């Protein structure tokens, strides 16, 4: 695998992990503060290593967690 392919696999894995965590927070809102802390930490790690596109994606996802417009409507 090339370095670019490995980077894409890593980013895909991180995105999948974030999706799973988002569903968990939806099911148990008490997990949200810890998840937001992890999102902030991941943002800083990505930004510090110069991966600004991935950091921007993480930041957008973190903002979406707190935005009611992105919440699934309740039944």
Protein backbone atom coordinates (compact mmCIF):
# COMPACT_ATOMS: atom_id res chain seq x y z
CA UNK A 1 0.00 0.00 0.00
CA UNK A 2 1.16 3.49 -0.73
CA UNK A 3 1.42 6.14 1.95
CA UNK A 4 -1.63 7.90 0.51
CA UNK A 5 -3.67 4.68 0.68
CA UNK A 6 -2.63 4.11 4.28
CA UNK A 7 -3.59 7.67 5.17
CA UNK A 8 -7.01 7.16 3.57
CA UNK A 9 -7.54 3.91 5.47
CA UNK A 10 -6.56 5.62 8.72
CA UNK A 11 -8.89 8.56 8.11
CA UNK A 12 -11.72 6.17 7.20
CA UNK A 13 -11.15 4.23 10.40
CA UNK A 14 -11.22 7.44 12.43
CA UNK A 15 -14.43 8.52 10.70
CA UNK A 16 -16.07 5.17 11.40
CA UNK A 17 -15.08 5.41 15.05
CA UNK A 18 -16.59 8.89 15.23
CA UNK A 19 -19.84 7.66 13.67
CA UNK A 20 -20.09 4.85 16.20
CA UNK A 21 -19.39 7.26 19.05
CA UNK A 22 -22.04 9.63 17.70
CA UNK A 23 -24.66 6.88 17.78
CA UNK A 24 -23.63 5.94 21.32
CA UNK A 25 -24.03 9.57 22.42
CA UNK A 26 -27.43 9.66 20.79
CA UNK A 27 -28.50 6.61 22.78
CA UNK A 28 -26.92 7.80 26.06
CA UNK A 29 -26.52 11.61 26.21
CA UNK A 30 -24.41 11.33 29.38
CA UNK A 31 -21.54 10.19 27.11
CA UNK A 32 -21.56 13.48 25.19
CA UNK A 33 -19.14 15.50 27.41
CA UNK A 34 -16.48 12.78 27.28
CA UNK A 35 -16.96 12.40 23.55
CA UNK A 36 -16.65 16.17 22.99
CA UNK A 37 -13.41 16.14 24.98
CA UNK A 38 -12.07 13.34 22.76
CA UNK A 39 -13.08 15.23 19.62
CA UNK A 40 -11.21 18.30 20.86
CA UNK A 41 -8.13 16.22 21.65
CA UNK A 42 -8.21 14.54 18.22
CA UNK A 43 -8.63 17.94 16.58
CA UNK A 44 -5.48 19.25 18.29
CA UNK A 45 -3.49 16.12 17.40
CA UNK A 46 -4.46 16.37 13.73
CA UNK A 47 -3.89 20.11 13.59
CA UNK A 48 -0.50 19.85 15.30
CA UNK A 49 0.70 17.23 12.82
CA UNK A 50 -0.36 19.47 9.94
CA UNK A 51 -3.37 17.49 8.76
CA UNK A 52 -5.62 20.54 8.60
CA UNK A 53 -8.26 18.95 6.36
CA UNK A 54 -8.82 16.09 8.81
CA UNK A 55 -8.78 18.54 11.73
CA UNK A 56 -11.46 20.63 10.01
CA UNK A 57 -13.59 17.51 9.49
CA UNK A 58 -13.27 16.61 13.18
CA UNK A 59 -14.11 20.17 14.23
CA UNK A 60 -17.22 20.16 12.04
CA UNK A 61 -18.32 16.86 13.50
CA UNK A 62 -17.79 18.17 17.03
CA UNK A 63 -19.91 21.24 16.26
CA UNK A 64 -22.61 19.03 14.75
CA UNK A 65 -22.90 17.10 18.02
CA UNK A 66 -24.02 20.25 19.81
CA UNK A 67 -26.24 21.58 17.00
CA UNK A 68 -29.89 20.52 17.36
CA UNK A 69 -30.38 20.82 13.60
CA UNK A 70 -28.22 17.71 13.15
CA UNK A 71 -30.13 15.61 15.66
CA UNK A 72 -32.37 12.85 14.38
CA UNK A 73 -36.04 13.73 14.97
CA UNK A 74 -37.60 11.80 17.81
CA UNK A 75 -40.53 9.52 17.04
